[in-house]
Protein backbone atom coordinates (compact mmCIF):
# COMPACT_ATOMS: atom_id res chain seq x y z
CA MET A 1 109.47 22.48 86.96
CA ASN A 2 110.69 25.24 86.09
CA ASP A 3 111.21 27.51 89.55
CA ILE A 4 111.22 30.57 87.82
CA ARG A 5 108.17 30.46 85.58
CA LYS A 6 106.33 28.88 88.85
CA THR A 7 107.75 32.02 90.94
CA GLN A 8 106.28 34.06 88.01
CA ALA A 9 102.96 32.58 88.07
CA LEU A 10 102.14 32.79 91.37
CA ALA A 11 103.55 36.47 91.59
CA THR A 12 100.48 36.96 89.12
CA TRP A 13 98.12 34.96 90.87
CA GLU A 14 98.95 36.97 93.97
CA LYS A 15 98.58 40.57 92.56
CA LEU A 16 95.35 39.80 90.91
CA PHE A 17 94.18 38.60 94.62
CA ASN A 18 95.95 41.76 96.25
CA GLN A 19 94.71 44.23 93.57
CA PRO A 20 91.89 43.25 91.41
CA GLU A 21 91.58 45.02 87.81
CA ILE A 22 89.88 48.19 87.89
CA ARG A 23 86.09 47.48 87.49
CA MET A 24 86.36 43.96 88.49
CA ASP A 25 83.46 42.79 91.01
CA ALA A 26 84.42 39.90 93.50
CA GLU A 27 82.90 37.32 91.30
CA GLU A 28 85.19 38.11 88.37
CA GLN A 29 87.95 38.43 90.49
CA TYR A 30 87.31 35.13 91.96
CA GLU A 31 86.33 33.51 88.66
CA ALA A 32 89.84 34.79 87.19
CA LEU A 33 91.95 33.71 90.35
CA LEU A 34 90.00 30.22 89.70
CA HIS A 35 90.98 29.91 85.93
CA LEU A 36 94.40 31.20 86.78
CA ALA A 37 94.71 28.28 89.28
CA ASP A 38 93.72 25.91 86.64
CA GLU A 39 95.99 27.20 84.10
CA PHE A 40 98.75 27.14 86.22
CA GLU A 41 98.45 23.40 87.24
CA ASP A 42 97.48 22.28 83.73
CA GLN A 43 100.65 24.02 82.21
CA GLY A 44 102.59 22.15 85.11
CA PHE A 45 104.05 25.47 86.88
CA ILE A 46 101.98 23.95 90.30
CA SER A 47 100.98 20.91 91.56
CA SER A 48 97.17 19.95 92.42
CA GLN A 49 97.88 20.56 95.83
CA GLU A 50 98.97 24.00 95.30
CA ARG A 51 96.56 24.59 93.36
CA GLY A 52 93.99 23.75 95.79
CA ARG A 53 95.50 26.05 98.68
CA LEU A 54 95.08 28.93 95.74
CA ILE A 55 91.49 27.67 95.25
CA GLU A 56 90.81 27.56 99.13
CA LYS A 57 92.57 31.05 99.35
CA ALA A 58 90.49 32.82 96.64
CA THR A 59 87.22 31.01 97.99
CA THR A 60 87.97 32.85 101.32
CA LEU A 61 88.55 35.98 100.09
CA TYR A 62 85.26 35.77 97.81
CA THR A 63 82.97 35.07 100.84
CA ARG A 64 84.46 37.65 102.93
CA SER A 65 83.95 39.90 99.99
CA ILE A 66 80.29 38.81 99.63
CA GLU A 67 79.30 38.83 103.66
CA GLY A 68 76.81 41.15 104.20
CA ILE A 69 75.72 42.34 100.67
CA GLY A 70 72.03 43.00 100.67
CA GLU A 71 72.11 43.00 104.60
CA GLY A 72 72.41 47.04 104.26
CA THR A 73 75.58 46.88 106.11
């Protein structure tokens, strides 16, 4: 596994996690993060365990983002 490519891949994922694209809603951000995690595993940049951690982190963010929607918060 190429450490430089892995570092670049994870930096790309973290950037999207911390700064979603303009006009990207929570669901779109979540789907994009999951897609990147899958792509990075498929390309051999990360292991299945690392992919699982990224998905868990993205799911937590998504859950927090949608909490209270529709509840008048």
